Amino acid sequence: AYYADSVKGRFTISRDNAKNAVDLQM
């Protein structure tokens, strides 16, 4: 996972294979 400096520590990207989705928790 990689993040822009402006969102690092606040946003999280993750894969949800059960949903076949990629989420962004903000």
mmCIF file of all heavy atoms, coordinates in Angstrom:
data_MODEL
# 
_entry.id   MODEL 
# 
loop_
_atom_site.group_PDB 
_atom_site.id 
_atom_site.type_symbol 
_atom_site.label_atom_id 
_atom_site.label_alt_id 
_atom_site.label_comp_id 
_atom_site.label_asym_id 
_atom_site.label_entity_id 
_atom_site.label_seq_id 
_atom_site.pdbx_PDB_ins_code 
_atom_site.Cartn_x 
_atom_site.Cartn_y 
_atom_site.Cartn_z 
_atom_site.occupancy 
_atom_site.B_iso_or_equiv 
_atom_site.pdbx_formal_charge 
_atom_site.auth_seq_id 
_atom_site.auth_comp_id 
_atom_site.auth_asym_id 
_atom_site.auth_atom_id 
_atom_site.pdbx_PDB_model_num 
ATOM 1   N N   . ALA A 1 1  ? 0.840   -1.201  0.000  1.00 0.00 ? 1  ALA A N   1 
ATOM 2   C CA  . ALA A 1 1  ? 0.000   0.000   0.000  1.00 0.00 ? 1  ALA A CA  1 
ATOM 3   C C   . ALA A 1 1  ? 0.875   1.250   0.000  1.00 0.00 ? 1  ALA A C   1 
ATOM 4   O O   . ALA A 1 1  ? 1.917   1.284   0.667  1.00 0.00 ? 1  ALA A O   1 
ATOM 5   C CB  . ALA A 1 1  ? -0.916  0.010   1.213  1.00 0.00 ? 1  ALA A CB  1 
ATOM 6   N N   . TYR A 1 2  ? 0.441   2.255   -0.746 1.00 0.00 ? 2  TYR A N   1 
ATOM 7   C CA  . TYR A 1 2  ? 1.162   3.516   -0.851 1.00 0.00 ? 2  TYR A CA  1 
ATOM 8   C C   . TYR A 1 2  ? 0.160   4.650   -0.674 1.00 0.00 ? 2  TYR A C   1 
ATOM 9   O O   . TYR A 1 2  ? -0.997  4.526   -1.076 1.00 0.00 ? 2  TYR A O   1 
ATOM 10  C CB  . TYR A 1 2  ? 1.832   3.636   -2.222 1.00 0.00 ? 2  TYR A CB  1 
ATOM 11  C CG  . TYR A 1 2  ? 2.768   2.498   -2.518 1.00 0.00 ? 2  TYR A CG  1 
ATOM 12  C CD1 . TYR A 1 2  ? 2.305   1.342   -3.140 1.00 0.00 ? 2  TYR A CD1 1 
ATOM 13  C CD2 . TYR A 1 2  ? 4.110   2.563   -2.153 1.00 0.00 ? 2  TYR A CD2 1 
ATOM 14  C CE1 . TYR A 1 2  ? 3.148   0.283   -3.400 1.00 0.00 ? 2  TYR A CE1 1 
ATOM 15  C CE2 . TYR A 1 2  ? 4.958   1.511   -2.405 1.00 0.00 ? 2  TYR A CE2 1 
ATOM 16  C CZ  . TYR A 1 2  ? 4.492   0.378   -3.033 1.00 0.00 ? 2  TYR A CZ  1 
ATOM 17  O OH  . TYR A 1 2  ? 5.340   -0.673  -3.284 1.00 0.00 ? 2  TYR A OH  1 
ATOM 18  N N   . TYR A 1 3  ? 0.623   5.737   -0.090 1.00 0.00 ? 3  TYR A N   1 
ATOM 19  C CA  . TYR A 1 3  ? -0.257  6.860   0.203  1.00 0.00 ? 3  TYR A CA  1 
ATOM 20  C C   . TYR A 1 3  ? 0.419   8.175   -0.140 1.00 0.00 ? 3  TYR A C   1 
ATOM 21  O O   . TYR A 1 3  ? 1.635   8.317   0.004  1.00 0.00 ? 3  TYR A O   1 
ATOM 22  C CB  . TYR A 1 3  ? -0.632  6.867   1.684  1.00 0.00 ? 3  TYR A CB  1 
ATOM 23  C CG  . TYR A 1 3  ? -1.337  5.616   2.137  1.00 0.00 ? 3  TYR A CG  1 
ATOM 24  C CD1 . TYR A 1 3  ? -0.637  4.552   2.697  1.00 0.00 ? 3  TYR A CD1 1 
ATOM 25  C CD2 . TYR A 1 3  ? -2.716  5.485   1.983  1.00 0.00 ? 3  TYR A CD2 1 
ATOM 26  C CE1 . TYR A 1 3  ? -1.282  3.394   3.088  1.00 0.00 ? 3  TYR A CE1 1 
ATOM 27  C CE2 . TYR A 1 3  ? -3.371  4.328   2.376  1.00 0.00 ? 3  TYR A CE2 1 
ATOM 28  C CZ  . TYR A 1 3  ? -2.650  3.278   2.925  1.00 0.00 ? 3  TYR A CZ  1 
ATOM 29  O OH  . TYR A 1 3  ? -3.290  2.136   3.316  1.00 0.00 ? 3  TYR A OH  1 
ATOM 30  N N   . ALA A 1 4  ? -0.410  9.126   -0.555 1.00 0.00 ? 4  ALA A N   1 
ATOM 31  C CA  . ALA A 1 4  ? 0.082   10.494  -0.664 1.00 0.00 ? 4  ALA A CA  1 
ATOM 32  C C   . ALA A 1 4  ? 0.380   11.021  0.733  1.00 0.00 ? 4  ALA A C   1 
ATOM 33  O O   . ALA A 1 4  ? -0.287  10.637  1.707  1.00 0.00 ? 4  ALA A O   1 
ATOM 34  C CB  . ALA A 1 4  ? -0.969  11.365  -1.350 1.00 0.00 ? 4  ALA A CB  1 
ATOM 35  N N   . ASP A 1 5  ? 1.356   11.905  0.830  1.00 0.00 ? 5  ASP A N   1 
ATOM 36  C CA  . ASP A 1 5  ? 1.709   12.451  2.143  1.00 0.00 ? 5  ASP A CA  1 
ATOM 37  C C   . ASP A 1 5  ? 0.520   13.126  2.816  1.00 0.00 ? 5  ASP A C   1 
ATOM 38  O O   . ASP A 1 5  ? 0.389   13.097  4.041  1.00 0.00 ? 5  ASP A O   1 
ATOM 39  C CB  . ASP A 1 5  ? 2.855   13.451  1.993  1.00 0.00 ? 5  ASP A CB  1 
ATOM 40  C CG  . ASP A 1 5  ? 4.180   12.766  1.682  1.00 0.00 ? 5  ASP A CG  1 
ATOM 41  O OD1 . ASP A 1 5  ? 4.289   11.534  1.893  1.00 0.00 ? 5  ASP A OD1 1 
ATOM 42  O OD2 . ASP A 1 5  ? 5.097   13.477  1.217  1.00 0.00 ? 5  ASP A OD2 1 
ATOM 43  N N   . SER A 1 6  ? -0.352  13.711  2.012  1.00 0.00 ? 6  SER A N   1 
ATOM 44  C CA  . SER A 1 6  ? -1.475  14.474  2.570  1.00 0.00 ? 6  SER A CA  1 
ATOM 45  C C   . SER A 1 6  ? -2.500  13.591  3.271  1.00 0.00 ? 6  SER A C   1 
ATOM 46  O O   . SER A 1 6  ? -3.301  14.089  4.055  1.00 0.00 ? 6  SER A O   1 
ATOM 47  C CB  . SER A 1 6  ? -2.158  15.276  1.463  1.00 0.00 ? 6  SER A CB  1 
ATOM 48  O OG  . SER A 1 6  ? -2.610  14.415  0.439  1.00 0.00 ? 6  SER A OG  1 
ATOM 49  N N   . VAL A 1 7  ? -2.486  12.291  2.989  1.00 0.00 ? 7  VAL A N   1 
ATOM 50  C CA  . VAL A 1 7  ? -3.491  11.401  3.593  1.00 0.00 ? 7  VAL A CA  1 
ATOM 51  C C   . VAL A 1 7  ? -2.866  10.323  4.468  1.00 0.00 ? 7  VAL A C   1 
ATOM 52  O O   . VAL A 1 7  ? -3.590  9.559   5.122  1.00 0.00 ? 7  VAL A O   1 
ATOM 53  C CB  . VAL A 1 7  ? -4.381  10.745  2.520  1.00 0.00 ? 7  VAL A CB  1 
ATOM 54  C CG1 . VAL A 1 7  ? -4.989  11.796  1.610  1.00 0.00 ? 7  VAL A CG1 1 
ATOM 55  C CG2 . VAL A 1 7  ? -3.619  9.704   1.714  1.00 0.00 ? 7  VAL A CG2 1 
ATOM 56  N N   . LYS A 1 8  ? -1.541  10.252  4.487  1.00 0.00 ? 8  LYS A N   1 
ATOM 57  C CA  . LYS A 1 8  ? -0.855  9.207   5.240  1.00 0.00 ? 8  LYS A CA  1 
ATOM 58  C C   . LYS A 1 8  ? -1.233  9.289   6.709  1.00 0.00 ? 8  LYS A C   1 
ATOM 59  O O   . LYS A 1 8  ? -1.238  10.367  7.311  1.00 0.00 ? 8  LYS A O   1 
ATOM 60  C CB  . LYS A 1 8  ? 0.655   9.364   5.060  1.00 0.00 ? 8  LYS A CB  1 
ATOM 61  C CG  . LYS A 1 8  ? 1.453   8.100   5.294  1.00 0.00 ? 8  LYS A CG  1 
ATOM 62  C CD  . LYS A 1 8  ? 2.902   8.303   4.879  1.00 0.00 ? 8  LYS A CD  1 
ATOM 63  C CE  . LYS A 1 8  ? 3.041   8.468   3.400  1.00 0.00 ? 8  LYS A CE  1 
ATOM 64  N NZ  . LYS A 1 8  ? 4.457   8.594   2.954  1.00 0.00 ? 8  LYS A NZ  1 
ATOM 65  N N   . GLY A 1 9  ? -1.578  8.148   7.280  1.00 0.00 ? 9  GLY A N   1 
ATOM 66  C CA  . GLY A 1 9  ? -1.982  8.108   8.679  1.00 0.00 ? 9  GLY A CA  1 
ATOM 67  C C   . GLY A 1 9  ? -3.469  8.341   8.895  1.00 0.00 ? 9  GLY A C   1 
ATOM 68  O O   . GLY A 1 9  ? -3.987  8.126   9.993  1.00 0.00 ? 9  GLY A O   1 
ATOM 69  N N   . ARG A 1 10 ? -4.162  8.788   7.848  1.00 0.00 ? 10 ARG A N   1 
ATOM 70  C CA  . ARG A 1 10 ? -5.608  9.040   7.969  1.00 0.00 ? 10 ARG A CA  1 
ATOM 71  C C   . ARG A 1 10 ? -6.422  8.109   7.083  1.00 0.00 ? 10 ARG A C   1 
ATOM 72  O O   . ARG A 1 10 ? -7.535  7.725   7.442  1.00 0.00 ? 10 ARG A O   1 
ATOM 73  C CB  . ARG A 1 10 ? -5.936  10.489  7.597  1.00 0.00 ? 10 ARG A CB  1 
ATOM 74  C CG  . ARG A 1 10 ? -5.237  11.511  8.457  1.00 0.00 ? 10 ARG A CG  1 
ATOM 75  C CD  . ARG A 1 10 ? -5.761  12.926  8.161  1.00 0.00 ? 10 ARG A CD  1 
ATOM 76  N NE  . ARG A 1 10 ? -5.486  13.349  6.789  1.00 0.00 ? 10 ARG A NE  1 
ATOM 77  C CZ  . ARG A 1 10 ? -6.428  13.720  5.922  1.00 0.00 ? 10 ARG A CZ  1 
ATOM 78  N NH1 . ARG A 1 10 ? -7.696  13.720  6.271  1.00 0.00 ? 10 ARG A NH1 1 
ATOM 79  N NH2 . ARG A 1 10 ? -6.088  14.121  4.707  1.00 0.00 ? 10 ARG A NH2 1 
ATOM 80  N N   . PHE A 1 11 ? -5.888  7.768   5.915  1.00 0.00 ? 11 PHE A N   1 
ATOM 81  C CA  . PHE A 1 11 ? -6.598  6.919   4.957  1.00 0.00 ? 11 PHE A CA  1 
ATOM 82  C C   . PHE A 1 11 ? -5.953  5.544   4.909  1.00 0.00 ? 11 PHE A C   1 
ATOM 83  O O   . PHE A 1 11 ? -4.741  5.404   5.077  1.00 0.00 ? 11 PHE A O   1 
ATOM 84  C CB  . PHE A 1 11 ? -6.540  7.529   3.549  1.00 0.00 ? 11 PHE A CB  1 
ATOM 85  C CG  . PHE A 1 11 ? -7.342  8.782   3.368  1.00 0.00 ? 11 PHE A CG  1 
ATOM 86  C CD1 . PHE A 1 11 ? -7.886  9.479   4.427  1.00 0.00 ? 11 PHE A CD1 1 
ATOM 87  C CD2 . PHE A 1 11 ? -7.535  9.292   2.076  1.00 0.00 ? 11 PHE A CD2 1 
ATOM 88  C CE1 . PHE A 1 11 ? -8.617  10.644  4.225  1.00 0.00 ? 11 PHE A CE1 1 
ATOM 89  C CE2 . PHE A 1 11 ? -8.254  10.452  1.863  1.00 0.00 ? 11 PHE A CE2 1 
ATOM 90  C CZ  . PHE A 1 11 ? -8.805  11.132  2.944  1.00 0.00 ? 11 PHE A CZ  1 
ATOM 91  N N   . THR A 1 12 ? -6.777  4.537   4.651  1.00 0.00 ? 12 THR A N   1 
ATOM 92  C CA  . THR A 1 12 ? -6.272  3.167   4.510  1.00 0.00 ? 12 THR A CA  1 
ATOM 93  C C   . THR A 1 12 ? -6.923  2.518   3.301  1.00 0.00 ? 12 THR A C   1 
ATOM 94  O O   . THR A 1 12 ? -8.151  2.503   3.186  1.00 0.00 ? 12 THR A O   1 
ATOM 95  C CB  . THR A 1 12 ? -6.587  2.329   5.757  1.00 0.00 ? 12 THR A CB  1 
ATOM 96  O OG1 . THR A 1 12 ? -6.023  2.958   6.912  1.00 0.00 ? 12 THR A OG1 1 
ATOM 97  C CG2 . THR A 1 12 ? -5.992  0.931   5.619  1.00 0.00 ? 12 THR A CG2 1 
ATOM 98  N N   . ILE A 1 13 ? -6.096  1.970   2.420  1.00 0.00 ? 13 ILE A N   1 
ATOM 99  C CA  . ILE A 1 13 ? -6.593  1.244   1.258  1.00 0.00 ? 13 ILE A CA  1 
ATOM 100 C C   . ILE A 1 13 ? -6.498  -0.245  1.552  1.00 0.00 ? 13 ILE A C   1 
ATOM 101 O O   . ILE A 1 13 ? -5.521  -0.709  2.156  1.00 0.00 ? 13 ILE A O   1 
ATOM 102 C CB  . ILE A 1 13 ? -5.804  1.617   -0.021 1.00 0.00 ? 13 ILE A CB  1 
ATOM 103 C CG1 . ILE A 1 13 ? -6.451  1.000   -1.262 1.00 0.00 ? 13 ILE A CG1 1 
ATOM 104 C CG2 . ILE A 1 13 ? -4.340  1.226   0.092  1.00 0.00 ? 13 ILE A CG2 1 
ATOM 105 C CD1 . ILE A 1 13 ? -5.851  1.512   -2.573 1.00 0.00 ? 13 ILE A CD1 1 
ATOM 106 N N   . SER A 1 14 ? -7.516  -0.995  1.140  1.00 0.00 ? 14 SER A N   1 
ATOM 107 C CA  . SER A 1 14 ? -7.507  -2.423  1.413  1.00 0.00 ? 14 SER A CA  1 
ATOM 108 C C   . SER A 1 14 ? -8.319  -3.165  0.357  1.00 0.00 ? 14 SER A C   1 
ATOM 109 O O   . SER A 1 14 ? -9.218  -2.607  -0.255 1.00 0.00 ? 14 SER A O   1 
ATOM 110 C CB  . SER A 1 14 ? -8.088  -2.708  2.805  1.00 0.00 ? 14 SER A CB  1 
ATOM 111 O OG  . SER A 1 14 ? -9.437  -2.271  2.883  1.00 0.00 ? 14 SER A OG  1 
ATOM 112 N N   . ARG A 1 15 ? -7.967  -4.426  0.185  1.00 0.00 ? 15 ARG A N   1 
ATOM 113 C CA  . ARG A 1 15 ? -8.723  -5.295  -0.711 1.00 0.00 ? 15 ARG A CA  1 
ATOM 114 C C   . ARG A 1 15 ? -9.741  -6.097  0.101  1.00 0.00 ? 15 ARG A C   1 
ATOM 115 O O   . ARG A 1 15 ? -9.439  -6.563  1.190  1.00 0.00 ? 15 ARG A O   1 
ATOM 116 C CB  . ARG A 1 15 ? -7.784  -6.276  -1.424 1.00 0.00 ? 15 ARG A CB  1 
ATOM 117 C CG  . ARG A 1 15 ? -6.856  -5.631  -2.403 1.00 0.00 ? 15 ARG A CG  1 
ATOM 118 C CD  . ARG A 1 15 ? -6.004  -6.688  -3.099 1.00 0.00 ? 15 ARG A CD  1 
ATOM 119 N NE  . ARG A 1 15 ? -5.107  -6.109  -4.074 1.00 0.00 ? 15 ARG A NE  1 
ATOM 120 C CZ  . ARG A 1 15 ? -5.416  -5.913  -5.341 1.00 0.00 ? 15 ARG A CZ  1 
ATOM 121 N NH1 . ARG A 1 15 ? -6.604  -6.259  -5.787 1.00 0.00 ? 15 ARG A NH1 1 
ATOM 122 N NH2 . ARG A 1 15 ? -4.549  -5.369  -6.180 1.00 0.00 ? 15 ARG A NH2 1 
ATOM 123 N N   . ASP A 1 16 ? -10.932 -6.250  -0.424 1.00 0.00 ? 16 ASP A N   1 
ATOM 124 C CA  . ASP A 1 16 ? -11.950 -7.107  0.181  1.00 0.00 ? 16 ASP A CA  1 
ATOM 125 C C   . ASP A 1 16 ? -12.317 -8.142  -0.874 1.00 0.00 ? 16 ASP A C   1 
ATOM 126 O O   . ASP A 1 16 ? -13.192 -7.924  -1.707 1.00 0.00 ? 16 ASP A O   1 
ATOM 127 C CB  . ASP A 1 16 ? -13.167 -6.283  0.609  1.00 0.00 ? 16 ASP A CB  1 
ATOM 128 C CG  . ASP A 1 16 ? -14.169 -7.114  1.397  1.00 0.00 ? 16 ASP A CG  1 
ATOM 129 O OD1 . ASP A 1 16 ? -14.227 -8.351  1.210  1.00 0.00 ? 16 ASP A OD1 1 
ATOM 130 O OD2 . ASP A 1 16 ? -14.911 -6.533  2.203  1.00 0.00 ? 16 ASP A OD2 1 
ATOM 131 N N   . ASN A 1 17 ? -11.619 -9.255  -0.844 1.00 0.00 ? 17 ASN A N   1 
ATOM 132 C CA  . ASN A 1 17 ? -11.812 -10.263 -1.890 1.00 0.00 ? 17 ASN A CA  1 
ATOM 133 C C   . ASN A 1 17 ? -13.221 -10.864 -1.836 1.00 0.00 ? 17 ASN A C   1 
ATOM 134 O O   . ASN A 1 17 ? -13.761 -11.259 -2.864 1.00 0.00 ? 17 ASN A O   1 
ATOM 135 C CB  . ASN A 1 17 ? -10.760 -11.357 -1.768 1.00 0.00 ? 17 ASN A CB  1 
ATOM 136 C CG  . ASN A 1 17 ? -9.369  -10.850 -2.107 1.00 0.00 ? 17 ASN A CG  1 
ATOM 137 O OD1 . ASN A 1 17 ? -9.208  -9.920  -2.892 1.00 0.00 ? 17 ASN A OD1 1 
ATOM 138 N ND2 . ASN A 1 17 ? -8.359  -11.448 -1.501 1.00 0.00 ? 17 ASN A ND2 1 
ATOM 139 N N   . ALA A 1 18 ? -13.814 -10.928 -0.654 1.00 0.00 ? 18 ALA A N   1 
ATOM 140 C CA  . ALA A 1 18 ? -15.164 -11.494 -0.536 1.00 0.00 ? 18 ALA A CA  1 
ATOM 141 C C   . ALA A 1 18 ? -16.176 -10.625 -1.286 1.00 0.00 ? 18 ALA A C   1 
ATOM 142 O O   . ALA A 1 18 ? -17.140 -11.133 -1.856 1.00 0.00 ? 18 ALA A O   1 
ATOM 143 C CB  . ALA A 1 18 ? -15.549 -11.629 0.927  1.00 0.00 ? 18 ALA A CB  1 
ATOM 144 N N   . LYS A 1 19 ? -15.956 -9.322  -1.266 1.00 0.00 ? 19 LYS A N   1 
ATOM 145 C CA  . LYS A 1 19 ? -16.855 -8.402  -1.965 1.00 0.00 ? 19 LYS A CA  1 
ATOM 146 C C   . LYS A 1 19 ? -16.364 -8.075  -3.373 1.00 0.00 ? 19 LYS A C   1 
ATOM 147 O O   . LYS A 1 19 ? -17.049 -7.376  -4.109 1.00 0.00 ? 19 LYS A O   1 
ATOM 148 C CB  . LYS A 1 19 ? -16.974 -7.082  -1.194 1.00 0.00 ? 19 LYS A CB  1 
ATOM 149 C CG  . LYS A 1 19 ? -17.656 -7.155  0.140  1.00 0.00 ? 19 LYS A CG  1 
ATOM 150 C CD  . LYS A 1 19 ? -17.975 -5.754  0.702  1.00 0.00 ? 19 LYS A CD  1 
ATOM 151 C CE  . LYS A 1 19 ? -16.945 -4.717  0.466  1.00 0.00 ? 19 LYS A CE  1 
ATOM 152 N NZ  . LYS A 1 19 ? -17.269 -3.409  1.052  1.00 0.00 ? 19 LYS A NZ  1 
ATOM 153 N N   . ASN A 1 20 ? -15.164 -8.554  -3.706 1.00 0.00 ? 20 ASN A N   1 
ATOM 154 C CA  . ASN A 1 20 ? -14.542 -8.184  -4.977 1.00 0.00 ? 20 ASN A CA  1 
ATOM 155 C C   . ASN A 1 20 ? -14.455 -6.665  -5.086 1.00 0.00 ? 20 ASN A C   1 
ATOM 156 O O   . ASN A 1 20 ? -14.906 -6.055  -6.062 1.00 0.00 ? 20 ASN A O   1 
ATOM 157 C CB  . ASN A 1 20 ? -15.295 -8.759  -6.173 1.00 0.00 ? 20 ASN A CB  1 
ATOM 158 C CG  . ASN A 1 20 ? -14.517 -8.606  -7.469 1.00 0.00 ? 20 ASN A CG  1 
ATOM 159 O OD1 . ASN A 1 20 ? -13.289 -8.620  -7.481 1.00 0.00 ? 20 ASN A OD1 1 
ATOM 160 N ND2 . ASN A 1 20 ? -15.228 -8.427  -8.569 1.00 0.00 ? 20 ASN A ND2 1 
ATOM 161 N N   . ALA A 1 21 ? -13.880 -6.077  -4.061 1.00 0.00 ? 21 ALA A N   1 
ATOM 162 C CA  . ALA A 1 21 ? -13.835 -4.624  -3.999 1.00 0.00 ? 21 ALA A CA  1 
ATOM 163 C C   . ALA A 1 21 ? -12.506 -4.174  -3.402 1.00 0.00 ? 21 ALA A C   1 
ATOM 164 O O   . ALA A 1 21 ? -11.804 -4.955  -2.743 1.00 0.00 ? 21 ALA A O   1 
ATOM 165 C CB  . ALA A 1 21 ? -14.993 -4.083  -3.163 1.00 0.00 ? 21 ALA A CB  1 
ATOM 166 N N   . VAL A 1 22 ? -12.175 -2.940  -3.659 1.00 0.00 ? 22 VAL A N   1 
ATOM 167 C CA  . VAL A 1 22 ? -11.050 -2.289  -3.001 1.00 0.00 ? 22 VAL A CA  1 
ATOM 168 C C   . VAL A 1 22 ? -11.604 -1.063  -2.297 1.00 0.00 ? 22 VAL A C   1 
ATOM 169 O O   . VAL A 1 22 ? -12.256 -0.220  -2.932 1.00 0.00 ? 22 VAL A O   1 
ATOM 170 C CB  . VAL A 1 22 ? -9.955  -1.892  -4.004 1.00 0.00 ? 22 VAL A CB  1 
ATOM 171 C CG1 . VAL A 1 22 ? -8.873  -1.072  -3.311 1.00 0.00 ? 22 VAL A CG1 1 
ATOM 172 C CG2 . VAL A 1 22 ? -9.339  -3.144  -4.623 1.00 0.00 ? 22 VAL A CG2 1 
ATOM 173 N N   . ASP A 1 23 ? -11.391 -0.989  -1.008 1.00 0.00 ? 23 ASP A N   1 
ATOM 174 C CA  . ASP A 1 23 ? -11.972 0.067   -0.195 1.00 0.00 ? 23 ASP A CA  1 
ATOM 175 C C   . ASP A 1 23 ? -10.940 1.120   0.179  1.00 0.00 ? 23 ASP A C   1 
ATOM 176 O O   . ASP A 1 23 ? -9.739  0.832   0.255  1.00 0.00 ? 23 ASP A O   1 
ATOM 177 C CB  . ASP A 1 23 ? -12.569 -0.517  1.089  1.00 0.00 ? 23 ASP A CB  1 
ATOM 178 C CG  . ASP A 1 23 ? -13.754 -1.418  0.798  1.00 0.00 ? 23 ASP A CG  1 
ATOM 179 O OD1 . ASP A 1 23 ? -14.320 -1.326  -0.306 1.00 0.00 ? 23 ASP A OD1 1 
ATOM 180 O OD2 . ASP A 1 23 ? -14.102 -2.219  1.681  1.00 0.00 ? 23 ASP A OD2 1 
ATOM 181 N N   . LEU A 1 24 ? -11.432 2.315   0.436  1.00 0.00 ? 24 LEU A N   1 
ATOM 182 C CA  . LEU A 1 24 ? -10.604 3.397   0.953  1.00 0.00 ? 24 LEU A CA  1 
ATOM 183 C C   . LEU A 1 24 ? -11.287 3.931   2.203  1.00 0.00 ? 24 LEU A C   1 
ATOM 184 O O   . LEU A 1 24 ? -12.332 4.592   2.108  1.00 0.00 ? 24 LEU A O   1 
ATOM 185 C CB  . LEU A 1 24 ? -10.439 4.509   -0.082 1.00 0.00 ? 24 LEU A CB  1 
ATOM 186 C CG  . LEU A 1 24 ? -9.510  5.640   0.329  1.00 0.00 ? 24 LEU A CG  1 
ATOM 187 C CD1 . LEU A 1 24 ? -8.063  5.156   0.392  1.00 0.00 ? 24 LEU A CD1 1 
ATOM 188 C CD2 . LEU A 1 24 ? -9.629  6.823   -0.629 1.00 0.00 ? 24 LEU A CD2 1 
ATOM 189 N N   . GLN A 1 25 ? -10.735 3.587   3.347  1.00 0.00 ? 25 GLN A N   1 
ATOM 190 C CA  . GLN A 1 25 ? -11.254 4.100   4.612  1.00 0.00 ? 25 GLN A CA  1 
ATOM 191 C C   . GLN A 1 25 ? -10.624 5.456   4.882  1.00 0.00 ? 25 GLN A C   1 
ATOM 192 O O   . GLN A 1 25 ? -9.397  5.570   4.930  1.00 0.00 ? 25 GLN A O   1 
ATOM 193 C CB  . GLN A 1 25 ? -10.927 3.129   5.756  1.00 0.00 ? 25 GLN A CB  1 
ATOM 194 C CG  . GLN A 1 25 ? -11.367 3.603   7.120  1.00 0.00 ? 25 GLN A CG  1 
ATOM 195 C CD  . GLN A 1 25 ? -12.874 3.677   7.257  1.00 0.00 ? 25 GLN A CD  1 
ATOM 196 O OE1 . GLN A 1 25 ? -13.588 2.795   6.807  1.00 0.00 ? 25 GLN A OE1 1 
ATOM 197 N NE2 . GLN A 1 25 ? -13.355 4.750   7.877  1.00 0.00 ? 25 GLN A NE2 1 
ATOM 198 N N   . MET A 1 26 ? -11.463 6.464   5.055  1.00 0.00 ? 26 MET A N   1 
ATOM 199 C CA  . MET A 1 26 ? -10.982 7.833   5.239  1.00 0.00 ? 26 MET A CA  1 
ATOM 200 C C   . MET A 1 26 ? -11.400 8.318   6.619  1.00 0.00 ? 26 MET A C   1 
ATOM 201 O O   . MET A 1 26 ? -12.595 8.453   6.894  1.00 0.00 ? 26 MET A O   1 
ATOM 202 C CB  . MET A 1 26 ? -11.542 8.740   4.151  1.00 0.00 ? 26 MET A CB  1 
ATOM 203 C CG  . MET A 1 26 ? -11.285 8.227   2.740  1.00 0.00 ? 26 MET A CG  1 
ATOM 204 S SD  . MET A 1 26 ? -11.769 9.395   1.457  1.00 0.00 ? 26 MET A SD  1 
ATOM 205 C CE  . MET A 1 26 ? -13.530 9.482   1.729  1.00 0.00 ? 26 MET A CE  1 
# 
